C-alpha atoms as a PDB file:
ATOM      1  CA  MET A   1      -5.845   6.928  29.647  1.00  0.00           C
ATOM      2  CA  SER A   2      -3.097   5.661  27.341  1.00  0.00           C
ATOM      3  CA  LYS A   3       0.085   4.230  28.844  1.00  0.00           C
ATOM      4  CA  PHE A   4       3.333   5.773  27.625  1.00  0.00           C
ATOM      5  CA  PHE A   5       5.230   2.478  27.390  1.00  0.00           C
ATOM      6  CA  ALA A   6       2.391   0.265  26.191  1.00  0.00           C
ATOM      7  CA  GLY A   7       3.730  -2.469  23.909  1.00  0.00           C
ATOM      8  CA  LYS A   8       7.330  -1.937  25.034  1.00  0.00           C
ATOM      9  CA  THR A   9       9.533  -4.275  27.055  1.00  0.00           C
ATOM     10  CA  ALA A  10      12.062  -3.135  29.650  1.00  0.00           C
ATOM     11  CA  ILE A  11      14.824  -4.964  31.501  1.00  0.00           C
ATOM     12  CA  VAL A  12      15.771  -3.719  34.971  1.00  0.00           C
ATOM     13  CA  THR A  13      18.815  -5.158  36.720  1.00  0.00           C
ATOM     14  CA  GLY A  14      18.841  -5.260  40.507  1.00  0.00           C
ATOM     15  CA  GLY A  15      15.063  -5.032  40.408  1.00  0.00           C
ATOM     16  CA  GLY A  16      14.307  -6.915  43.613  1.00  0.00           C
ATOM     17  CA  ARG A  17      14.425  -3.904  45.920  1.00  0.00           C
ATOM     18  CA  GLY A  18      15.299  -0.226  46.266  1.00  0.00           C
ATOM     19  CA  ILE A  19      15.732   1.835  43.113  1.00  0.00           C
ATOM     20  CA  GLY A  20      15.284  -1.158  40.793  1.00  0.00           C
ATOM     21  CA  LEU A  21      11.984  -2.144  42.351  1.00  0.00           C
ATOM     22  CA  SER A  22      10.704   1.438  42.123  1.00  0.00           C
ATOM     23  CA  VAL A  23      11.738   1.654  38.454  1.00  0.00           C
ATOM     24  CA  THR A  24      10.034  -1.677  37.729  1.00  0.00           C
ATOM     25  CA  GLN A  25       6.820  -0.523  39.424  1.00  0.00           C
ATOM     26  CA  MET A  26       6.700   2.778  37.521  1.00  0.00           C
ATOM     27  CA  LEU A  27       7.366   1.104  34.179  1.00  0.00           C
ATOM     28  CA  LEU A  28       4.537  -1.357  34.837  1.00  0.00           C
ATOM     29  CA  GLU A  29       2.207   1.499  35.746  1.00  0.00           C
ATOM     30  CA  GLU A  30       3.047   3.110  32.396  1.00  0.00           C
ATOM     31  CA  GLY A  31       2.093  -0.055  30.511  1.00  0.00           C
ATOM     32  CA  ALA A  32       5.469  -1.685  29.870  1.00  0.00           C
ATOM     33  CA  ASN A  33       6.268  -5.358  30.120  1.00  0.00           C
ATOM     34  CA  VAL A  34       9.131  -5.567  32.607  1.00  0.00           C
ATOM     35  CA  ALA A  35      11.723  -8.270  33.214  1.00  0.00           C
ATOM     36  CA  PHE A  36      13.905  -7.802  36.262  1.00  0.00           C
ATOM     37  CA  CYS A  37      16.728  -9.791  37.770  1.00  0.00           C
ATOM     38  CA  ALA A  38      17.974 -10.007  41.330  1.00  0.00           C
ATOM     39  CA  ARG A  39      20.670 -11.858  43.233  1.00  0.00           C
ATOM     40  CA  SER A  40      18.505 -14.261  45.225  1.00  0.00           C
ATOM     41  CA  THR A  41      15.344 -16.310  44.850  1.00  0.00           C
ATOM     42  CA  ASP A  42      13.914 -14.640  47.962  1.00  0.00           C
ATOM     43  CA  SER A  43      14.404 -11.168  46.467  1.00  0.00           C
ATOM     44  CA  VAL A  44      12.702 -12.205  43.236  1.00  0.00           C
ATOM     45  CA  SER A  45       9.778 -13.849  45.034  1.00  0.00           C
ATOM     46  CA  GLN A  46       9.198 -10.917  47.385  1.00  0.00           C
ATOM     47  CA  ALA A  47       9.331  -8.411  44.538  1.00  0.00           C
ATOM     48  CA  LEU A  48       6.919 -10.407  42.378  1.00  0.00           C
ATOM     49  CA  GLU A  49       4.481 -10.628  45.278  1.00  0.00           C
ATOM     50  CA  GLN A  50       4.695  -6.887  45.864  1.00  0.00           C
ATOM     51  CA  LEU A  51       4.345  -6.009  42.166  1.00  0.00           C
ATOM     52  CA  ASN A  52       1.388  -8.337  41.585  1.00  0.00           C
ATOM     53  CA  ALA A  53       1.467  -7.688  37.837  1.00  0.00           C
ATOM     54  CA  ARG A  54       0.916 -11.261  36.605  1.00  0.00           C
ATOM     55  CA  ASP A  55       1.793 -11.722  32.935  1.00  0.00           C
ATOM     56  CA  LYS A  56       3.252  -8.196  32.574  1.00  0.00           C
ATOM     57  CA  VAL A  57       6.285  -8.901  34.732  1.00  0.00           C
ATOM     58  CA  MET A  58       9.029 -11.496  34.745  1.00  0.00           C
ATOM     59  CA  GLY A  59      11.524 -11.912  37.575  1.00  0.00           C
ATOM     60  CA  GLN A  60      14.516 -14.240  37.692  1.00  0.00           C
ATOM     61  CA  VAL A  61      17.783 -14.757  39.488  1.00  0.00           C
ATOM     62  CA  ALA A  62      20.723 -13.735  37.305  1.00  0.00           C
ATOM     63  CA  ASP A  63      24.393 -13.032  37.999  1.00  0.00           C
ATOM     64  CA  VAL A  64      25.191  -9.774  36.222  1.00  0.00           C
ATOM     65  CA  ARG A  65      28.896 -10.593  36.533  1.00  0.00           C
ATOM     66  CA  SER A  66      28.485 -13.601  34.235  1.00  0.00           C
ATOM     67  CA  ALA A  67      28.119 -13.064  30.479  1.00  0.00           C
ATOM     68  CA  GLU A  68      26.558 -16.516  30.161  1.00  0.00           C
ATOM     69  CA  SER A  69      23.957 -15.798  32.850  1.00  0.00           C
ATOM     70  CA  VAL A  70      23.119 -12.426  31.293  1.00  0.00           C
ATOM     71  CA  ASP A  71      22.815 -13.808  27.761  1.00  0.00           C
ATOM     72  CA  GLN A  72      20.489 -16.547  28.993  1.00  0.00           C
ATOM     73  CA  PHE A  73      18.334 -14.025  30.851  1.00  0.00           C
ATOM     74  CA  VAL A  74      18.017 -11.765  27.807  1.00  0.00           C
ATOM     75  CA  ARG A  75      17.127 -14.723  25.578  1.00  0.00           C
ATOM     76  CA  GLU A  76      14.352 -15.722  27.964  1.00  0.00           C
ATOM     77  CA  VAL A  77      13.041 -12.150  28.058  1.00  0.00           C
ATOM     78  CA  THR A  78      12.775 -11.993  24.285  1.00  0.00           C
ATOM     79  CA  MET A  79      11.131 -15.409  24.198  1.00  0.00           C
ATOM     80  CA  LYS A  80       8.459 -14.266  26.652  1.00  0.00           C
ATOM     81  CA  PHE A  81       7.897 -10.702  25.411  1.00  0.00           C
ATOM     82  CA  SER A  82       9.199 -10.947  21.790  1.00  0.00           C
ATOM     83  CA  SER A  83      11.416  -7.871  22.030  1.00  0.00           C
ATOM     84  CA  VAL A  84      13.342  -5.581  24.346  1.00  0.00           C
ATOM     85  CA  ASP A  85      13.218  -1.781  24.058  1.00  0.00           C
ATOM     86  CA  ILE A  86      14.647  -0.431  27.315  1.00  0.00           C
ATOM     87  CA  LEU A  87      17.516  -1.450  29.591  1.00  0.00           C
ATOM     88  CA  VAL A  88      18.040   0.049  33.051  1.00  0.00           C
ATOM     89  CA  ASN A  89      21.423  -0.996  34.437  1.00  0.00           C
ATOM     90  CA  ASN A  90      20.775  -0.565  38.134  1.00  0.00           C
ATOM     91  CA  ALA A  91      22.408  -3.565  39.862  1.00  0.00           C
ATOM     92  CA  GLY A  92      24.909  -2.333  42.397  1.00  0.00           C
ATOM     93  CA  ILE A  93      26.771  -3.164  45.562  1.00  0.00           C
ATOM     94  CA  GLY A  94      28.898  -1.129  47.923  1.00  0.00           C
ATOM     95  CA  ILE A  95      31.848  -2.434  49.943  1.00  0.00           C
ATOM     96  CA  PHE A  96      33.648   0.407  51.691  1.00  0.00           C
ATOM     97  CA  LYS A  97      37.131  -0.221  53.069  1.00  0.00           C
ATOM     98  CA  PRO A  98      40.582   1.334  52.730  1.00  0.00           C
ATOM     99  CA  VAL A  99      42.345  -0.113  49.715  1.00  0.00           C
ATOM    100  CA  GLY A 100      44.869  -1.893  51.931  1.00  0.00           C
ATOM    101  CA  ASP A 101      42.037  -3.777  53.633  1.00  0.00           C
ATOM    102  CA  LEU A 102      40.112  -4.773  50.494  1.00  0.00           C
ATOM    103  CA  SER A 103      40.354  -8.391  49.448  1.00  0.00           C
ATOM    104  CA  PRO A 104      40.671  -9.301  45.761  1.00  0.00           C
ATOM    105  CA  GLU A 105      37.287 -11.033  46.055  1.00  0.00           C
ATOM    106  CA  GLU A 106      35.629  -7.848  47.377  1.00  0.00           C
ATOM    107  CA  TRP A 107      37.216  -5.769  44.602  1.00  0.00           C
ATOM    108  CA  ASP A 108      35.997  -8.221  41.957  1.00  0.00           C
ATOM    109  CA  GLN A 109      32.508  -8.283  43.474  1.00  0.00           C
ATOM    110  CA  VAL A 110      32.119  -4.490  43.321  1.00  0.00           C
ATOM    111  CA  ILE A 111      33.671  -3.989  39.885  1.00  0.00           C
ATOM    112  CA  GLY A 112      31.898  -7.047  38.490  1.00  0.00           C
ATOM    113  CA  THR A 113      28.473  -5.975  39.730  1.00  0.00           C
ATOM    114  CA  ASN A 114      28.603  -2.215  39.196  1.00  0.00           C
ATOM    115  CA  LEU A 115      30.632  -1.989  35.984  1.00  0.00           C
ATOM    116  CA  THR A 116      31.078  -5.328  34.235  1.00  0.00           C
ATOM    117  CA  GLY A 117      27.402  -6.151  34.746  1.00  0.00           C
ATOM    118  CA  ALA A 118      26.415  -3.002  32.842  1.00  0.00           C
ATOM    119  CA  PHE A 119      28.707  -4.061  29.992  1.00  0.00           C
ATOM    120  CA  HIS A 120      27.300  -7.589  29.846  1.00  0.00           C
ATOM    121  CA  PHE A 121      23.691  -6.421  29.691  1.00  0.00           C
ATOM    122  CA  SER A 122      24.380  -3.593  27.243  1.00  0.00           C
ATOM    123  CA  ARG A 123      26.301  -5.900  24.918  1.00  0.00           C
ATOM    124  CA  ALA A 124      23.462  -8.435  25.101  1.00  0.00           C
ATOM    125  CA  VAL A 125      20.627  -6.030  24.197  1.00  0.00           C
ATOM    126  CA  ILE A 126      22.309  -3.846  21.561  1.00  0.00           C
ATOM    127  CA  PRO A 127      21.870  -6.449  18.760  1.00  0.00           C
ATOM    128  CA  TYR A 128      18.103  -6.372  19.416  1.00  0.00           C
ATOM    129  CA  PHE A 129      18.121  -2.572  19.424  1.00  0.00           C
ATOM    130  CA  ARG A 130      19.998  -2.520  16.122  1.00  0.00           C
ATOM    131  CA  LYS A 131      17.583  -4.973  14.516  1.00  0.00           C
ATOM    132  CA  GLN A 132      14.497  -2.976  15.481  1.00  0.00           C
ATOM    133  CA  GLY A 133      16.088   0.428  14.875  1.00  0.00           C
ATOM    134  CA  HIS A 134      15.761   1.885  18.364  1.00  0.00           C
ATOM    135  CA  GLY A 135      16.503   1.348  22.036  1.00  0.00           C
ATOM    136  CA  GLN A 136      17.287   3.121  25.291  1.00  0.00           C
ATOM    137  CA  ILE A 137      19.834   2.351  27.986  1.00  0.00           C
ATOM    138  CA  VAL A 138      19.822   4.121  31.343  1.00  0.00           C
ATOM    139  CA  ASN A 139      22.807   3.500  33.602  1.00  0.00           C
ATOM    140  CA  ILE A 140      22.387   4.221  37.303  1.00  0.00           C
ATOM    141  CA  SER A 141      25.688   5.620  38.539  1.00  0.00           C
ATOM    142  CA  SER A 142      26.425   7.838  41.542  1.00  0.00           C
ATOM    143  CA  LEU A 143      27.960  11.172  42.445  1.00  0.00           C
ATOM    144  CA  ALA A 144      30.749   8.904  43.716  1.00  0.00           C
ATOM    145  CA  GLY A 145      31.552   8.549  40.012  1.00  0.00           C
ATOM    146  CA  LYS A 146      33.250  11.943  40.160  1.00  0.00           C
ATOM    147  CA  ASN A 147      33.826  12.561  43.887  1.00  0.00           C
ATOM    148  CA  PRO A 148      36.376  10.195  45.476  1.00  0.00           C
ATOM    149  CA  MET A 149      36.005   9.366  49.161  1.00  0.00           C
ATOM    150  CA  ALA A 150      38.072   7.620  51.797  1.00  0.00           C
ATOM    151  CA  GLY A 151      37.137   3.969  51.917  1.00  0.00           C
ATOM    152  CA  GLY A 152      35.598   4.146  48.468  1.00  0.00           C
ATOM    153  CA  GLY A 153      38.406   2.732  46.345  1.00  0.00           C
ATOM    154  CA  ALA A 154      36.385  -0.102  44.823  1.00  0.00           C
ATOM    155  CA  TYR A 155      33.079   1.768  44.684  1.00  0.00           C
ATOM    156  CA  ASN A 156      34.624   4.949  43.255  1.00  0.00           C
ATOM    157  CA  ALA A 157      36.493   2.930  40.636  1.00  0.00           C
ATOM    158  CA  SER A 158      33.317   1.134  39.590  1.00  0.00           C
ATOM    159  CA  LYS A 159      31.318   4.349  39.229  1.00  0.00           C
ATOM    160  CA  PHE A 160      34.087   6.406  37.593  1.00  0.00           C
ATOM    161  CA  GLY A 161      34.354   3.504  35.152  1.00  0.00           C
ATOM    162  CA  LEU A 162      30.606   3.333  34.598  1.00  0.00           C
ATOM    163  CA  ASN A 163      30.522   7.039  33.772  1.00  0.00           C
ATOM    164  CA  GLY A 164      33.248   6.699  31.148  1.00  0.00           C
ATOM    165  CA  PHE A 165      31.729   3.513  29.766  1.00  0.00           C
ATOM    166  CA  SER A 166      28.309   5.160  29.492  1.00  0.00           C
ATOM    167  CA  ASP A 167      29.643   8.241  27.678  1.00  0.00           C
ATOM    168  CA  ALA A 168      31.642   6.131  25.222  1.00  0.00           C
ATOM    169  CA  MET A 169      28.674   3.842  24.530  1.00  0.00           C
ATOM    170  CA  MET A 170      26.495   6.876  23.902  1.00  0.00           C
ATOM    171  CA  LEU A 171      28.954   8.106  21.268  1.00  0.00           C
ATOM    172  CA  ASP A 172      29.283   4.619  19.761  1.00  0.00           C
ATOM    173  CA  HIS A 173      25.577   4.099  19.145  1.00  0.00           C
ATOM    174  CA  ARG A 174      23.742   7.429  18.986  1.00  0.00           C
ATOM    175  CA  GLN A 175      23.609   7.332  15.155  1.00  0.00           C
ATOM    176  CA  GLU A 176      21.804   3.980  15.407  1.00  0.00           C
ATOM    177  CA  ASN A 177      18.936   5.578  17.349  1.00  0.00           C
ATOM    178  CA  ILE A 178      20.181   3.958  20.554  1.00  0.00           C
ATOM    179  CA  ARG A 179      20.060   6.530  23.336  1.00  0.00           C
ATOM    180  CA  VAL A 180      22.325   6.062  26.358  1.00  0.00           C
ATOM    181  CA  SER A 181      21.791   8.091  29.532  1.00  0.00           C
ATOM    182  CA  LEU A 182      23.466   8.259  32.921  1.00  0.00           C
ATOM    183  CA  ILE A 183      21.724   9.102  36.196  1.00  0.00           C
ATOM    184  CA  ALA A 184      24.019   9.952  39.108  1.00  0.00           C
ATOM    185  CA  PRO A 185      22.295  10.232  42.493  1.00  0.00           C
ATOM    186  CA  GLY A 186      23.869  11.312  45.731  1.00  0.00           C
ATOM    187  CA  SER A 187      22.827   9.594  48.961  1.00  0.00           C
ATOM    188  CA  VAL A 188      19.808   7.341  48.354  1.00  0.00           C
ATOM    189  CA  ASP A 189      17.760   5.752  51.129  1.00  0.00           C
ATOM    190  CA  THR A 190      18.490   2.096  50.313  1.00  0.00           C
ATOM    191  CA  GLU A 191      20.362  -0.695  52.071  1.00  0.00           C
ATOM    192  CA  PHE A 192      22.658  -1.725  49.225  1.00  0.00           C
ATOM    193  CA  SER A 193      25.600  -1.374  51.612  1.00  0.00           C
ATOM    194  CA  PRO A 194      25.804  -2.862  55.128  1.00  0.00           C
ATOM    195  CA  ARG A 195      26.999   0.486  56.484  1.00  0.00           C
ATOM    196  CA  SER A 196      23.671   2.141  55.584  1.00  0.00           C
ATOM    197  CA  ALA A 197      21.455  -0.441  57.306  1.00  0.00           C
ATOM    198  CA  GLY A 198      19.425   0.791  60.274  1.00  0.00           C
ATOM    199  CA  SER A 199      20.381   4.476  59.971  1.00  0.00           C
ATOM    200  CA  ASP A 200      17.944   7.375  59.610  1.00  0.00           C
ATOM    201  CA  GLY A 201      17.610   7.993  55.885  1.00  0.00           C
ATOM    202  CA  SER A 202      14.770  10.505  55.934  1.00  0.00           C
ATOM    203  CA  TRP A 203      17.018  13.259  54.578  1.00  0.00           C
ATOM    204  CA  LYS A 204      18.198  11.155  51.637  1.00  0.00           C
ATOM    205  CA  ILE A 205      16.854  10.804  48.098  1.00  0.00           C
ATOM    206  CA  ALA A 206      14.042   8.242  47.971  1.00  0.00           C
ATOM    207  CA  PRO A 207      14.213   5.336  45.492  1.00  0.00           C
ATOM    208  CA  ASP A 208      10.984   6.637  43.923  1.00  0.00           C
ATOM    209  CA  ASP A 209      12.736   9.944  43.204  1.00  0.00           C
ATOM    210  CA  VAL A 210      15.461   8.187  41.224  1.00  0.00           C
ATOM    211  CA  ALA A 211      12.813   6.139  39.425  1.00  0.00           C
ATOM    212  CA  ALA A 212      10.995   9.353  38.514  1.00  0.00           C
ATOM    213  CA  ALA A 213      14.220  10.643  36.946  1.00  0.00           C
ATOM    214  CA  VAL A 214      14.495   7.415  34.938  1.00  0.00           C
ATOM    215  CA  MET A 215      10.947   7.955  33.662  1.00  0.00           C
ATOM    216  CA  ALA A 216      11.763  11.542  32.662  1.00  0.00           C
ATOM    217  CA  VAL A 217      14.824  10.402  30.701  1.00  0.00           C
ATOM    218  CA  LEU A 218      12.911   7.620  28.942  1.00  0.00           C
ATOM    219  CA  LYS A 219      10.042   9.931  27.984  1.00  0.00           C
ATOM    220  CA  MET A 220      12.180  12.502  26.190  1.00  0.00           C
ATOM    221  CA  PRO A 221      11.313  12.891  22.482  1.00  0.00           C
ATOM    222  CA  GLU A 222      13.542  10.795  20.211  1.00  0.00           C
ATOM    223  CA  ARG A 223      15.195  13.929  18.852  1.00  0.00           C
ATOM    224  CA  THR A 224      16.579  14.763  22.296  1.00  0.00           C
ATOM    225  CA  LEU A 225      18.992  12.852  24.508  1.00  0.00           C
ATOM    226  CA  MET A 226      19.164  13.590  28.228  1.00  0.00           C
ATOM    227  CA  SER A 227      22.661  12.194  28.611  1.00  0.00           C
ATOM    228  CA  LEU A 228      23.381  13.054  32.255  1.00  0.00           C
ATOM    229  CA  VAL A 229      21.155  13.707  35.260  1.00  0.00           C
ATOM    230  CA  GLU A 230      22.595  14.457  38.699  1.00  0.00           C
ATOM    231  CA  LEU A 231      20.421  14.147  41.812  1.00  0.00           C
ATOM    232  CA  ARG A 232      21.208  15.448  45.292  1.00  0.00           C
ATOM    233  CA  PRO A 233      19.350  15.572  48.612  1.00  0.00           C
ATOM    234  CA  SER A 234      17.781  19.013  48.921  1.00  0.00           C
ATOM    235  CA  ARG A 235      18.864  19.327  52.552  1.00  0.00           C
ATOM    236  CA  PRO A 236      21.775  16.979  53.275  1.00  0.00           C
ATOM    237  CA  LYS A 237      22.497  15.896  56.806  1.00  0.00           C
ATOM    238  CA  LYS A 238      24.858  18.281  58.614  1.00  0.00           C
ATOM    239  CA  GLY A 239      28.112  17.029  60.021  1.00  0.00           C
END
């Protein structure tokens, strides 16, 4: 059976666990070469061991908040796999406090990871997309990108910003055959935020479900752009 992404190379940010790891796994199963980055050596090592894809996968530590780190990562990807065709901007962090209790460092960490990181990676891959005449970017946002919540000042700002950034980038580059899509899940069963650790997440969206939506977006015919996908738990927790 032929693999849909055979011969293509994808970059997945925040690929060491959760949604990013699920996306990486599904892309590999569909024949893609995949390069993912994570925040720590342990995350990279554990993910590589779980993926067990040998020469089809590359994992490295990279700081998405740093343009220099991102540029170096993308250069190494193209050296290993010769090209890049797909970017999934998934790296994210949640720090939830009232604005008056947020430190400048916490604000910078959330905005830098969730929003600036998507800019750095998009800016780094677009020249390759232009040269080869095609490319796809999928930005993983959140329903918090349109629904403010108490304690969500930094997170809401990062996701509202990512939504606007994604829409503008789509308009900037659609005539260059560069398709930009946004996926906005509700509550996902991951531990990206300390407040979600240890709680019952059986009612939430599974990381594999978000990854399946990424696959659906990427597999659309070139003539069609699925620009926005919203995902919600079918039966959210009451109260």
